[in-house]
Amino acid sequence: MKMEKWRAITYTLLQHSLKKNFHHPINPNFRSLTRSSSTSGHTYAFGRTCERLKPTLAHKKWNIQPCVHPLKNCMSHHPLVSAKIFSGNICRIQCRYFASLTTKIQRNPLFSTINSDDISHFEKILGEKNVIQEEEKLDTVNTDWMRKYKGSSKLMLQPRSTEEVSQILKYCNSRCLAVVPQGGNTGLVGGSVPVFDEVIINTGSMNSIISFDKVSGILVCEAGCILENLISFLDSWGFIMPLDLGAKGSCQIGGNVSTNAGGLRLVRYGSLHGTVLGLEAVLANGTVLDMLGTLRKDNTGYDLKHLFIGSEGSLGIISKVSILTPPKLSSVNLAFLACKDYFSCQKLLMEAKRRLGEILSAFEFLDSHALDLVLKHLDGVRNPLPASMHNFYVLIETTGSDESSDKQKLEAFLLHSMEGGLISDGAIAQDISQASSFWHIREGVAEALMKAGAVYKYDLSLPVEKMYDLVEEMRIRLGSVADVVGFGHLGDGNLHLNISAPQYDDAILAQIEPFVYEWTSKHHGSISAEHGLGLMKADKIHYSKSTEAVQLMTSIKKLLDPNGILNPYKVLPPSLVS
């Protein structure tokens, strides 16, 4: 009886007018759900015209209100930043987008500098048009997208094949010319831009899809393929990429693999260490290491590809990738829920894993501070649950193959969670526009923080039960001088800790660091969950790795790159590898 009552009142049709494609991380499975409709041209697998939600239990009040889609034209190929955003005040904010204490780094005196003979040699390999020296173009690739890190490279090379990458590195190694591999340049820790005058090797011209096996779902492609293009290609064959990032319109698969990019659906499909079946990489001396296997099972010797996944281009330049892609499924649901406390969020995650099981595809959370910033600083965003502000919010997405069964399972889960007091309020998206508006609240936190003023950012992995303790301790530590915000991938134990202040202040930073790293280390966490170490955290690796582990990493670096030319000053402390 309770289930029938729930079904009768659970859904409310939310009216939206926006019917465009978005760069926000909407599940690509949504694309398979559409069929003709006289209203919007599409109807989605959520089923039927819905009634306004009414209370189900006397002690609970659920109130679902219409939502207005918040996306704006400025959210173009990058979900948070477009060319327009780098003007006026926003540009000034991004230029000061610090997240770590400044570490003074000296240029390695053993590295050579570019001369005219070098330019002539590269032009023979690549042709003149692929040897870039124009100041305007170099200014763009010398700077990361947050405008936080800026190098002074005088040369960018654009190879079109693995062989050209090999010739470049062989020559650079012989001349001791330092290089920085670069893909879409969407990193957050300064890993994809020069520190000094390193030669930029941009892989964007290596963008061919080599093969796709429609039976196994194994895709083989070059490193410069843009993630969104791969998603579109696979969509036409009824498959999806196992990762989906906000920066998918710009980021490249080689960079994704080099940084072991996480994304919103790692809880469902796992990390790239599991989905990348093989790769091809070029070592510092020009040797091409062919590990481009397409087998799910290969137990012959050391699995060397894992050295390059997440090494941020410090051991070799990835040139090709083979990756296992899952089939696109027909049933997608997204719920935006409110919880009274963090313990309820934890319990909700446990229940979701037990009761939703194999259809759970995302579990994200944000606190009231994060939502308040989004509502305050992003135009057009509305709270899906406007009756009152709650302490925590959770986005739960399910993806499956049986619409009726998936819906029934989700309804049973929500009813059980409501009766157990885990959920205070909630809303369920009815179509892709509503799902996009829900996701934009979660994805819009970073943009809202930038607009709010100064922000100190930390990407941490912690035991789920301990994650929010750090947020609360940081609030006590900083008091009223800053707003401490917590959000992230709860299903993966990944906290995005952000401290927002009116302006940058050395006194605030001194209260944050090294406390945040010491606290993370004390609770056996990682100082980098998914963003990598890059330049920002290279000298802080000891907070997450033992001395013995760092020494072994240094030995591997020196073995594969004895001259240290590959992405210097990144990943490992420069003092250990110079």
Protein backbone atom coordinates (compact mmCIF):
# COMPACT_ATOMS: atom_id res chain seq x y z
CA MET A 1 0.00 0.00 0.00
CA LYS A 2 2.82 2.38 0.88
CA MET A 3 4.51 1.68 -2.44
CA GLU A 4 1.34 2.43 -4.41
CA LYS A 5 0.88 5.68 -2.49
CA TRP A 6 4.52 6.56 -3.18
CA ARG A 7 4.12 5.94 -6.89
CA ALA A 8 1.00 8.06 -7.00
CA ILE A 9 2.65 11.11 -5.50
CA THR A 10 6.38 10.83 -6.14
CA TYR A 11 6.75 12.73 -9.41
CA THR A 12 6.05 16.32 -10.40
CA LEU A 13 6.45 17.56 -13.94
CA LEU A 14 8.97 20.39 -13.93
CA GLN A 15 8.71 22.84 -16.81
CA HIS A 16 11.88 23.90 -18.59
CA SER A 17 12.45 25.69 -21.85
CA LEU A 18 16.10 24.97 -22.47
CA LYS A 19 16.54 22.13 -24.96
CA LYS A 20 20.20 22.45 -25.94
CA ASN A 21 23.14 20.18 -25.45
CA PHE A 22 25.24 20.85 -22.39
CA HIS A 23 28.88 20.40 -21.47
CA HIS A 24 27.86 19.56 -17.94
CA PRO A 25 28.34 15.93 -16.98
CA ILE A 26 24.89 14.69 -17.96
CA ASN A 27 24.88 10.94 -18.23
CA PRO A 28 25.28 10.05 -21.92
CA ASN A 29 22.76 7.27 -21.39
CA PHE A 30 20.10 10.01 -21.41
CA ARG A 31 20.60 10.22 -25.17
CA SER A 32 19.17 6.76 -25.63
CA LEU A 33 15.94 7.56 -23.80
CA THR A 34 14.33 9.94 -26.28
CA ARG A 35 11.33 9.52 -28.51
CA SER A 36 8.94 11.96 -30.19
CA SER A 37 6.81 14.27 -28.09
CA SER A 38 4.57 17.14 -29.15
CA THR A 39 5.84 19.33 -26.32
CA SER A 40 9.62 19.22 -26.38
CA GLY A 41 10.40 16.77 -29.14
CA HIS A 42 11.49 14.21 -26.55
CA THR A 43 10.03 12.06 -23.82
CA TYR A 44 12.27 10.42 -21.26
CA ALA A 45 12.26 7.12 -19.47
CA PHE A 46 10.86 8.65 -16.29
CA GLY A 47 7.56 7.62 -17.73
CA ARG A 48 4.42 9.69 -17.50
CA THR A 49 2.91 13.09 -16.80
CA CYS A 50 3.26 13.61 -13.09
CA GLU A 51 1.29 15.15 -10.26
CA ARG A 52 2.52 17.60 -7.67
CA LEU A 53 4.13 15.83 -4.75
CA LYS A 54 2.16 15.59 -1.49
CA PRO A 55 3.16 14.49 1.99
CA THR A 56 3.46 10.72 2.34
CA LEU A 57 3.91 10.37 6.08
CA ALA A 58 2.54 12.59 8.83
CA HIS A 59 5.96 13.32 10.27
CA LYS A 60 7.57 14.09 6.88
CA LYS A 61 6.88 16.87 4.46
CA TRP A 62 8.13 16.54 0.91
CA ASN A 63 7.80 19.56 -1.30
CA ILE A 64 9.02 19.46 -4.88
CA GLN A 65 8.93 22.75 -6.75
CA PRO A 66 9.53 23.62 -10.39
CA CYS A 67 13.15 24.32 -11.30
CA VAL A 68 14.51 26.85 -13.76
CA HIS A 69 17.54 25.80 -15.76
CA PRO A 70 20.50 27.97 -14.79
CA LEU A 71 22.92 27.43 -17.67
CA LYS A 72 24.16 30.47 -19.51
CA ASN A 73 25.75 31.03 -22.86
CA CYS A 74 29.11 31.66 -21.23
CA MET A 75 29.35 27.99 -20.31
CA SER A 76 30.83 26.91 -23.60
CA HIS A 77 33.45 24.25 -24.24
CA HIS A 78 34.73 24.56 -20.71
CA PRO A 79 32.06 24.04 -18.06
CA LEU A 80 33.33 26.77 -15.80
CA VAL A 81 35.35 29.08 -18.01
CA SER A 82 35.04 30.48 -21.51
CA ALA A 83 36.99 33.12 -23.37
CA LYS A 84 34.57 35.73 -22.07
CA ILE A 85 35.18 34.88 -18.44
CA PHE A 86 38.78 36.01 -18.64
CA SER A 87 37.81 39.65 -18.76
CA GLY A 88 37.27 42.28 -16.10
CA ASN A 89 37.06 41.33 -12.47
CA ILE A 90 36.78 37.59 -13.03
CA CYS A 91 40.16 37.55 -14.74
CA ARG A 92 41.71 39.25 -11.73
CA ILE A 93 40.19 36.68 -9.42
CA GLN A 94 41.52 33.79 -11.46
CA CYS A 95 44.97 35.29 -11.63
CA ARG A 96 45.05 34.97 -7.84
CA TYR A 97 43.49 31.51 -7.61
CA PHE A 98 46.00 30.17 -5.09
CA ALA A 99 45.68 26.89 -3.24
CA SER A 100 49.06 26.26 -1.69
CA LEU A 101 51.96 28.00 -0.03
CA THR A 102 54.45 29.31 -2.56
CA THR A 103 57.51 27.14 -3.08
CA LYS A 104 60.50 28.78 -4.69
CA ILE A 105 61.86 26.68 -7.54
CA GLN A 106 65.11 27.33 -9.35
CA ARG A 107 65.56 26.47 -13.02
CA ASN A 108 67.75 23.40 -13.44
CA PRO A 109 71.06 24.80 -14.77
CA LEU A 110 71.76 21.54 -16.63
CA PHE A 111 68.92 22.22 -19.06
CA SER A 112 69.82 23.87 -22.36
CA THR A 113 68.02 26.81 -23.93
CA ILE A 114 66.46 26.89 -27.39
CA ASN A 115 68.57 28.22 -30.25
CA SER A 116 68.12 28.68 -33.99
CA ASP A 117 69.65 25.30 -34.79
CA ASP A 118 67.03 23.64 -32.60
CA ILE A 119 64.23 25.47 -34.41
CA SER A 120 65.60 24.37 -37.78
CA HIS A 121 65.81 20.77 -36.65
CA PHE A 122 62.21 20.73 -35.40
CA GLU A 123 61.00 22.34 -38.63
CA LYS A 124 62.61 19.49 -40.57
CA ILE A 125 60.68 16.99 -38.45
CA LEU A 126 57.30 18.74 -38.25
CA GLY A 127 57.22 21.40 -40.97
CA GLU A 128 57.20 25.11 -40.23
CA LYS A 129 53.48 25.41 -39.44
CA ASN A 130 53.74 22.92 -36.57
CA VAL A 131 56.61 24.76 -34.89
CA ILE A 132 54.89 27.59 -33.02
CA GLN A 133 56.81 30.69 -31.94
CA GLU A 134 54.10 33.38 -32.13
CA GLU A 135 53.86 35.22 -28.82
CA GLU A 136 50.05 35.35 -28.77
CA LYS A 137 49.66 31.59 -29.21
CA LEU A 138 52.41 30.88 -26.73
CA ASP A 139 50.79 33.11 -24.12
CA THR A 140 47.71 30.86 -24.18
CA VAL A 141 49.57 27.57 -23.83
CA ASN A 142 51.98 28.97 -21.23
CA THR A 143 49.07 29.66 -18.88
CA ASP A 144 46.77 27.18 -17.15
CA TRP A 145 42.99 27.68 -17.45
CA MET A 146 42.70 29.03 -13.89
CA ARG A 147 45.33 31.70 -14.72
CA LYS A 148 47.25 30.57 -11.67
CA TYR A 149 50.41 29.16 -13.27
CA LYS A 150 52.33 30.82 -16.10
CA GLY A 151 55.51 29.65 -17.81
CA SER A 152 57.76 31.36 -20.31
CA SER A 153 58.21 28.81 -23.09
CA LYS A 154 59.31 30.23 -26.43
CA LEU A 155 58.35 27.16 -28.45
CA MET A 156 55.40 24.81 -28.92
CA LEU A 157 55.65 21.71 -31.10
CA GLN A 158 52.61 19.98 -32.60
CA PRO A 159 53.48 16.41 -33.62
CA ARG A 160 51.02 14.45 -35.75
CA SER A 161 52.24 10.93 -35.03
CA THR A 162 54.05 8.75 -32.53
CA GLU A 163 57.10 8.75 -34.79
CA GLU A 164 57.29 12.55 -34.68
CA VAL A 165 57.00 12.52 -30.87
CA SER A 166 59.83 9.98 -30.81
CA GLN A 167 62.08 12.13 -33.01
CA ILE A 168 61.36 15.22 -30.90
CA LEU A 169 62.18 13.51 -27.61
CA LYS A 170 65.28 11.81 -28.97
CA TYR A 171 66.64 15.19 -30.02
CA CYS A 172 65.57 17.00 -26.84
CA ASN A 173 67.19 14.32 -24.70
CA SER A 174 70.47 14.60 -26.64
CA ARG A 175 70.41 18.40 -26.17
CA CYS A 176 69.08 18.25 -22.60
CA LEU A 177 66.10 20.41 -23.56
CA ALA A 178 63.32 20.13 -20.98
CA VAL A 179 59.80 19.48 -22.29
CA VAL A 180 56.25 19.65 -20.95
CA PRO A 181 53.58 17.41 -22.54
CA GLN A 182 50.27 19.22 -23.02
CA GLY A 183 46.82 18.11 -24.07
CA GLY A 184 43.72 20.23 -23.44
CA ASN A 185 45.44 22.16 -20.63
CA THR A 186 42.51 21.75 -18.23
CA GLY A 187 44.54 20.59 -15.21
CA LEU A 188 44.19 22.14 -11.76
CA VAL A 189 47.67 21.73 -10.25
CA GLY A 190 50.00 23.31 -12.81
CA GLY A 191 51.03 20.01 -14.39
CA SER A 192 50.34 20.90 -18.03
CA VAL A 193 52.15 24.24 -18.38
CA PRO A 194 55.86 25.14 -18.28
CA VAL A 195 57.48 26.31 -15.08
CA PHE A 196 60.28 28.08 -16.95
CA ASP A 197 61.14 27.80 -20.66
CA GLU A 198 60.39 24.12 -21.28
CA VAL A 199 59.44 23.15 -24.83
CA ILE A 200 55.70 22.48 -25.04
CA ILE A 201 54.76 19.29 -26.89
CA ASN A 202 51.06 19.57 -27.66
CA THR A 203 49.35 16.34 -28.72
CA GLY A 204 46.17 17.94 -30.08
CA SER A 205 46.98 17.04 -33.70
CA MET A 206 47.15 13.33 -32.82
CA ASN A 207 43.38 12.93 -32.75
CA SER A 208 42.48 9.86 -34.80
CA ILE A 209 40.26 6.98 -33.73
CA ILE A 210 42.21 3.89 -34.73
CA SER A 211 39.64 1.16 -34.15
CA PHE A 212 36.49 0.24 -32.27
CA ASP A 213 35.32 -3.30 -31.56
CA LYS A 214 31.52 -3.26 -31.45
CA VAL A 215 31.40 -6.66 -29.76
CA SER A 216 33.81 -6.05 -26.89
CA GLY A 217 33.41 -2.26 -26.71
CA ILE A 218 37.19 -1.71 -26.87
CA LEU A 219 38.22 1.64 -28.33
CA VAL A 220 41.73 2.38 -29.58
CA CYS A 221 42.61 6.00 -30.30
CA GLU A 222 45.38 8.57 -30.31
CA ALA A 223 46.15 10.64 -27.24
CA GLY A 224 44.91 13.94 -28.68
CA CYS A 225 41.28 12.87 -29.08
CA ILE A 226 38.99 15.25 -27.19
CA LEU A 227 36.90 13.39 -24.63
CA GLU A 228 33.61 14.83 -25.85
CA ASN A 229 34.38 13.73 -29.42
CA LEU A 230 34.98 10.19 -28.18
CA ILE A 231 31.69 10.33 -26.26
CA SER A 232 29.85 11.41 -29.44
CA PHE A 233 31.54 8.72 -31.53
CA LEU A 234 30.65 5.99 -29.05
CA ASP A 235 27.10 7.27 -28.71
CA SER A 236 26.48 6.50 -32.38
CA TRP A 237 27.45 2.88 -31.70
CA GLY A 238 25.46 2.51 -28.49
CA PHE A 239 28.39 2.81 -26.06
CA ILE A 240 29.69 5.41 -23.60
CA MET A 241 33.06 6.44 -22.19
CA PRO A 242 33.68 5.14 -18.66
CA LEU A 243 34.60 8.66 -17.53
CA ASP A 244 32.71 11.92 -17.93
CA LEU A 245 34.26 15.20 -16.85
CA GLY A 246 33.08 18.77 -16.73
CA ALA A 247 35.98 19.72 -19.02
CA LYS A 248 35.12 17.08 -21.62
CA GLY A 249 34.76 19.69 -24.37
CA SER A 250 38.46 20.56 -24.07
CA CYS A 251 40.35 17.78 -22.27
CA GLN A 252 42.08 15.03 -24.23
CA ILE A 253 42.14 11.33 -23.51
CA GLY A 254 45.95 11.25 -23.26
CA GLY A 255 45.85 13.89 -20.56
CA ASN A 256 42.98 12.10 -18.83
CA VAL A 257 45.03 8.91 -18.66
CA SER A 258 48.24 10.73 -17.71
CA THR A 259 46.49 12.29 -14.71
CA ASN A 260 44.25 9.30 -13.94
CA ALA A 261 41.23 11.61 -14.14
CA GLY A 262 38.34 10.64 -11.86
CA GLY A 263 35.05 12.33 -12.66
CA LEU A 264 31.53 11.89 -11.44
CA ARG A 265 30.92 8.22 -12.18
CA LEU A 266 33.99 6.54 -10.78
CA VAL A 267 31.67 4.90 -8.23
CA ARG A 268 30.11 2.96 -11.11
CA TYR A 269 32.89 2.36 -13.64
CA GLY A 270 36.02 2.61 -11.50
CA SER A 271 39.27 4.44 -12.26
CA LEU A 272 41.26 4.45 -15.47
CA HIS A 273 43.62 1.92 -13.92
CA GLY A 274 40.77 -0.53 -14.46
CA THR A 275 39.32 0.59 -17.79
CA VAL A 276 42.53 1.35 -19.73
CA LEU A 277 43.59 -1.96 -21.26
CA GLY A 278 46.75 -0.75 -22.93
CA LEU A 279 48.70 2.25 -24.10
CA GLU A 280 51.62 3.36 -26.20
CA ALA A 281 54.16 5.74 -24.68
CA VAL A 282 57.32 7.46 -25.85
CA LEU A 283 60.19 7.55 -23.38
CA ALA A 284 62.57 10.45 -22.87
CA ASN A 285 65.20 8.98 -25.21
CA GLY A 286 62.65 8.51 -28.02
CA THR A 287 62.03 4.80 -27.45
CA VAL A 288 58.45 3.84 -28.31
CA LEU A 289 57.04 1.51 -25.68
CA ASP A 290 54.24 -0.52 -27.26
CA MET A 291 51.84 -1.73 -24.57
CA LEU A 292 48.73 -1.14 -26.69
CA GLY A 293 47.00 -4.38 -25.74
CA THR A 294 43.26 -4.91 -26.12
CA LEU A 295 42.90 -7.94 -23.87
CA ARG A 296 40.87 -7.96 -20.66
CA LYS A 297 43.24 -10.56 -19.24
CA ASP A 298 47.00 -10.58 -19.76
CA ASN A 299 49.11 -11.90 -16.91
CA THR A 300 52.51 -11.93 -18.61
CA GLY A 301 55.03 -10.12 -16.48
CA TYR A 302 54.83 -6.63 -15.00
CA ASP A 303 51.86 -4.55 -16.13
CA LEU A 304 53.93 -1.52 -17.09
CA LYS A 305 51.07 0.61 -18.36
CA HIS A 306 50.12 1.42 -14.77
CA LEU A 307 53.40 3.33 -14.36
CA PHE A 308 52.19 5.84 -16.95
CA ILE A 309 48.58 6.12 -15.78
CA GLY A 310 48.66 9.01 -13.32
CA SER A 311 52.36 9.84 -13.81
CA GLU A 312 51.44 13.23 -15.35
CA GLY A 313 53.85 12.93 -18.26
CA SER A 314 56.89 12.63 -16.01
CA LEU A 315 57.89 9.14 -17.22
CA GLY A 316 56.87 9.29 -20.88
CA ILE A 317 54.40 10.86 -23.29
CA ILE A 318 51.30 8.75 -23.91
CA SER A 319 50.61 8.59 -27.66
CA LYS A 320 47.84 5.97 -27.97
CA VAL A 321 45.27 4.42 -25.63
CA SER A 322 43.02 1.36 -25.68
CA ILE A 323 40.09 1.61 -23.32
CA LEU A 324 37.14 -0.59 -22.42
CA THR A 325 33.85 1.24 -22.94
CA PRO A 326 30.54 0.13 -21.40
CA PRO A 327 27.28 -0.14 -23.38
CA LYS A 328 24.83 2.74 -23.24
CA LEU A 329 21.84 1.81 -21.09
CA SER A 330 18.23 2.84 -21.52
CA SER A 331 17.09 3.87 -18.05
CA VAL A 332 18.47 6.88 -16.14
CA ASN A 333 17.11 8.54 -12.99
CA LEU A 334 18.48 11.47 -10.97
CA ALA A 335 17.35 12.56 -7.50
CA PHE A 336 18.29 15.72 -5.59
CA LEU A 337 17.85 15.02 -1.88
CA ALA A 338 18.23 16.90 1.41
CA CYS A 339 19.73 15.45 4.60
CA LYS A 340 19.75 16.89 8.10
CA ASP A 341 23.35 15.95 8.97
CA TYR A 342 26.47 14.34 7.56
CA PHE A 343 25.79 11.06 9.34
CA SER A 344 22.56 10.79 7.34
CA CYS A 345 24.57 11.30 4.14
CA GLN A 346 26.88 8.45 5.14
CA LYS A 347 23.99 6.17 6.01
CA LEU A 348 22.26 7.09 2.76
CA LEU A 349 25.37 6.06 0.84
CA MET A 350 25.46 2.71 2.62
CA GLU A 351 21.79 2.14 1.89
CA ALA A 352 22.20 3.20 -1.74
CA LYS A 353 24.98 0.67 -2.27
CA ARG A 354 22.87 -2.07 -0.71
CA ARG A 355 19.47 -1.26 -2.22
CA LEU A 356 20.40 0.27 -5.59
CA GLY A 357 23.40 -1.96 -6.11
CA GLU A 358 24.40 -2.35 -9.72
CA ILE A 359 22.34 0.60 -11.02
CA LEU A 360 23.99 3.23 -8.78
CA SER A 361 26.08 5.44 -11.11
CA ALA A 362 26.77 8.61 -9.07
CA PHE A 363 26.59 9.74 -5.45
CA GLU A 364 27.58 13.37 -4.89
CA PHE A 365 27.18 15.66 -1.90
CA LEU A 366 27.43 19.35 -1.00
CA ASP A 367 26.81 21.25 2.21
CA SER A 368 24.52 24.23 2.75
CA HIS A 369 27.47 26.63 2.45
CA ALA A 370 28.13 25.34 -1.06
CA LEU A 371 24.50 25.61 -2.15
CA ASP A 372 24.21 29.09 -0.66
CA LEU A 373 27.19 30.24 -2.73
CA VAL A 374 25.70 28.79 -5.92
CA LEU A 375 22.33 30.45 -5.32
CA LYS A 376 24.00 33.76 -4.51
CA HIS A 377 26.56 33.98 -7.31
CA LEU A 378 25.16 32.08 -10.31
CA ASP A 379 22.38 33.73 -12.26
CA GLY A 380 19.18 31.77 -12.79
CA VAL A 381 19.88 28.96 -10.35
CA ARG A 382 17.02 27.96 -8.09
CA ASN A 383 16.92 25.60 -5.17
CA PRO A 384 14.92 22.50 -6.18
CA LEU A 385 13.82 22.35 -2.52
CA PRO A 386 12.95 26.00 -1.79
CA ALA A 387 10.85 25.51 1.34
CA SER A 388 13.92 25.82 3.58
CA MET A 389 17.70 25.46 3.58
CA HIS A 390 18.92 22.07 4.72
CA ASN A 391 22.34 21.19 6.09
CA PHE A 392 23.37 18.76 3.33
CA TYR A 393 22.32 17.82 -0.19
CA VAL A 394 22.93 14.62 -2.12
CA LEU A 395 22.63 13.82 -5.84
CA ILE A 396 21.96 10.17 -6.59
CA GLU A 397 21.97 8.88 -10.15
CA THR A 398 20.97 5.42 -11.30
CA THR A 399 21.65 3.89 -14.71
CA GLY A 400 20.21 0.56 -15.79
CA SER A 401 18.59 -1.41 -18.58
CA ASP A 402 15.06 -2.00 -17.23
CA GLU A 403 13.01 1.16 -16.81
CA SER A 404 10.26 -0.42 -14.75
CA SER A 405 12.58 -2.36 -12.46
CA ASP A 406 14.98 0.55 -11.99
CA LYS A 407 12.17 2.93 -11.14
CA GLN A 408 10.66 0.48 -8.69
CA LYS A 409 14.03 -0.04 -7.03
CA LEU A 410 14.62 3.71 -6.71
CA GLU A 411 11.12 4.29 -5.32
CA ALA A 412 11.59 1.57 -2.73
CA PHE A 413 14.96 3.04 -1.75
CA LEU A 414 13.55 6.57 -1.38
CA LEU A 415 10.56 5.37 0.64
CA HIS A 416 12.78 3.34 2.94
CA SER A 417 15.19 6.27 3.39
CA MET A 418 12.36 8.69 4.08
CA GLU A 419 10.79 6.43 6.66
CA GLY A 420 14.18 5.94 8.29
CA GLY A 421 14.67 9.70 8.62
CA LEU A 422 17.67 9.83 6.30
CA ILE A 423 16.02 12.19 3.80
CA SER A 424 14.36 15.47 4.75
CA ASP A 425 13.16 16.50 1.29
CA GLY A 426 13.77 15.66 -2.34
CA ALA A 427 13.11 16.10 -6.06
CA ILE A 428 13.43 13.76 -9.04
CA ALA A 429 14.42 14.99 -12.51
CA GLN A 430 11.90 14.31 -15.26
CA ASP A 431 14.04 14.96 -18.33
CA ILE A 432 17.52 15.97 -19.44
CA SER A 433 16.91 19.68 -18.79
CA GLN A 434 15.91 19.04 -15.20
CA ALA A 435 18.81 16.64 -14.75
CA SER A 436 21.13 19.31 -16.16
CA SER A 437 19.81 21.89 -13.69
CA PHE A 438 20.41 19.48 -10.80
CA TRP A 439 23.93 18.71 -11.98
CA HIS A 440 24.66 22.40 -12.50
CA ILE A 441 24.10 23.05 -8.81
CA ARG A 442 26.80 20.53 -7.96
CA GLU A 443 29.14 21.52 -10.81
CA GLY A 444 28.51 25.23 -10.30
CA VAL A 445 30.12 25.32 -6.86
CA ALA A 446 33.61 25.95 -8.26
CA GLU A 447 32.41 28.82 -10.44
CA ALA A 448 30.46 30.35 -7.56
CA LEU A 449 33.53 30.19 -5.34
CA MET A 450 35.61 32.05 -7.92
CA LYS A 451 32.99 34.77 -8.17
CA ALA A 452 32.79 35.05 -4.38
CA GLY A 453 36.42 36.22 -4.10
CA ALA A 454 39.59 34.54 -2.91
CA VAL A 455 39.48 30.77 -2.63
CA TYR A 456 41.92 28.15 -1.35
CA LYS A 457 41.24 24.73 -2.92
CA TYR A 458 42.13 21.23 -1.69
CA ASP A 459 41.31 17.89 -3.35
CA LEU A 460 41.52 15.14 -0.73
CA SER A 461 40.77 11.44 -0.34
CA LEU A 462 39.65 10.45 3.15
CA PRO A 463 37.70 7.68 4.87
CA VAL A 464 34.04 8.56 4.31
CA GLU A 465 33.24 8.69 8.02
CA LYS A 466 36.06 11.24 8.56
CA MET A 467 35.61 13.46 5.50
CA TYR A 468 33.42 16.16 6.98
CA ASP A 469 35.30 16.27 10.28
CA LEU A 470 38.03 18.18 8.45
CA VAL A 471 35.51 20.77 7.23
CA GLU A 472 34.18 21.30 10.74
CA GLU A 473 37.65 21.53 12.28
CA MET A 474 38.71 24.03 9.65
CA ARG A 475 35.66 26.18 10.46
CA ILE A 476 36.63 26.23 14.12
CA ARG A 477 40.23 26.98 13.20
CA LEU A 478 39.40 29.92 10.90
CA GLY A 479 36.38 31.32 12.69
CA SER A 480 34.62 34.18 10.96
CA VAL A 481 37.51 35.26 8.71
CA ALA A 482 36.60 32.76 5.98
CA ASP A 483 33.75 30.55 4.76
CA VAL A 484 34.67 26.86 4.70
CA VAL A 485 32.84 24.86 2.05
CA GLY A 486 32.65 21.08 1.65
CA PHE A 487 31.44 19.11 -1.38
CA GLY A 488 32.60 16.27 -3.59
CA HIS A 489 32.31 12.64 -4.61
CA LEU A 490 31.00 11.00 -1.45
CA GLY A 491 30.72 7.63 -3.19
CA ASP A 492 34.50 7.72 -3.74
CA GLY A 493 35.54 9.29 -0.42
CA ASN A 494 36.74 12.40 -2.29
CA LEU A 495 36.34 15.74 -0.50
CA HIS A 496 36.74 19.08 -2.26
CA LEU A 497 37.60 21.40 0.62
CA ASN A 498 37.37 25.06 -0.35
CA ILE A 499 38.03 28.07 1.86
CA SER A 500 36.43 31.28 0.59
CA ALA A 501 37.57 34.70 1.84
CA PRO A 502 37.07 38.32 0.73
CA GLN A 503 40.73 38.54 -0.29
CA TYR A 504 43.93 36.53 -0.11
CA ASP A 505 45.65 36.78 3.23
CA ASP A 506 48.92 35.19 4.34
CA ALA A 507 47.50 34.85 7.84
CA ILE A 508 44.60 32.75 6.54
CA LEU A 509 46.89 30.59 4.43
CA ALA A 510 49.15 30.01 7.43
CA GLN A 511 46.14 28.68 9.35
CA ILE A 512 45.25 26.32 6.51
CA GLU A 513 48.68 24.93 5.63
CA PRO A 514 50.32 22.72 6.61
CA PHE A 515 47.38 21.83 8.90
CA VAL A 516 45.24 20.49 6.04
CA TYR A 517 48.01 18.17 4.84
CA GLU A 518 48.94 17.05 8.35
CA TRP A 519 45.30 16.30 9.17
CA THR A 520 44.89 14.31 5.95
CA SER A 521 48.06 12.34 6.62
CA LYS A 522 47.06 11.64 10.23
CA HIS A 523 43.80 10.09 9.02
CA HIS A 524 45.53 8.00 6.33
CA GLY A 525 44.15 10.01 3.45
CA SER A 526 45.61 11.30 0.19
CA ILE A 527 46.48 14.95 -0.45
CA SER A 528 45.43 14.45 -4.09
CA ALA A 529 42.36 12.40 -4.85
CA GLU A 530 41.96 13.08 -8.56
CA HIS A 531 43.68 16.32 -9.58
CA GLY A 532 47.24 15.00 -9.39
CA LEU A 533 50.31 16.55 -7.78
CA GLY A 534 51.66 18.66 -10.63
CA LEU A 535 53.67 21.66 -9.51
CA MET A 536 51.33 22.57 -6.66
CA LYS A 537 51.92 19.50 -4.47
CA ALA A 538 55.14 17.95 -5.78
CA ASP A 539 57.04 18.80 -2.60
CA LYS A 540 54.16 17.58 -0.42
CA ILE A 541 54.06 13.97 -1.61
CA HIS A 542 55.53 12.78 1.72
CA TYR A 543 52.22 13.53 3.42
CA SER A 544 50.67 10.63 1.48
CA LYS A 545 53.58 8.37 0.55
CA SER A 546 56.32 6.83 2.68
CA THR A 547 59.95 7.79 2.28
CA GLU A 548 60.67 4.36 0.83
CA ALA A 549 57.86 4.69 -1.72
CA VAL A 550 59.05 8.15 -2.80
CA GLN A 551 62.62 6.87 -3.11
CA LEU A 552 61.44 4.04 -5.36
CA MET A 553 59.44 6.49 -7.48
CA THR A 554 62.55 8.65 -7.80
CA SER A 555 64.57 5.61 -8.90
CA ILE A 556 61.98 4.79 -11.58
CA LYS A 557 62.03 8.41 -12.77
CA LYS A 558 65.82 8.39 -13.04
CA LEU A 559 65.78 5.03 -14.84
CA LEU A 560 63.27 6.09 -17.50
CA ASP A 561 64.32 9.74 -17.72
CA PRO A 562 67.95 10.01 -16.54
CA ASN A 563 68.32 13.61 -17.74
CA GLY A 564 65.05 14.63 -16.08
CA ILE A 565 63.72 16.41 -19.18
CA LEU A 566 60.12 15.15 -18.94
CA ASN A 567 57.81 17.61 -17.15
CA PRO A 568 60.47 18.73 -14.66
CA TYR A 569 59.64 20.17 -11.22
CA LYS A 570 56.35 18.20 -11.19
CA VAL A 571 55.03 15.14 -9.27
CA LEU A 572 58.21 14.49 -7.25
CA PRO A 573 60.16 17.00 -5.13
CA PRO A 574 62.66 18.71 -7.48
CA SER A 575 65.41 18.26 -4.89
CA LEU A 576 65.21 14.48 -5.31
CA VAL A 577 65.36 14.28 -9.10
CA SER A 578 67.67 17.14 -10.07
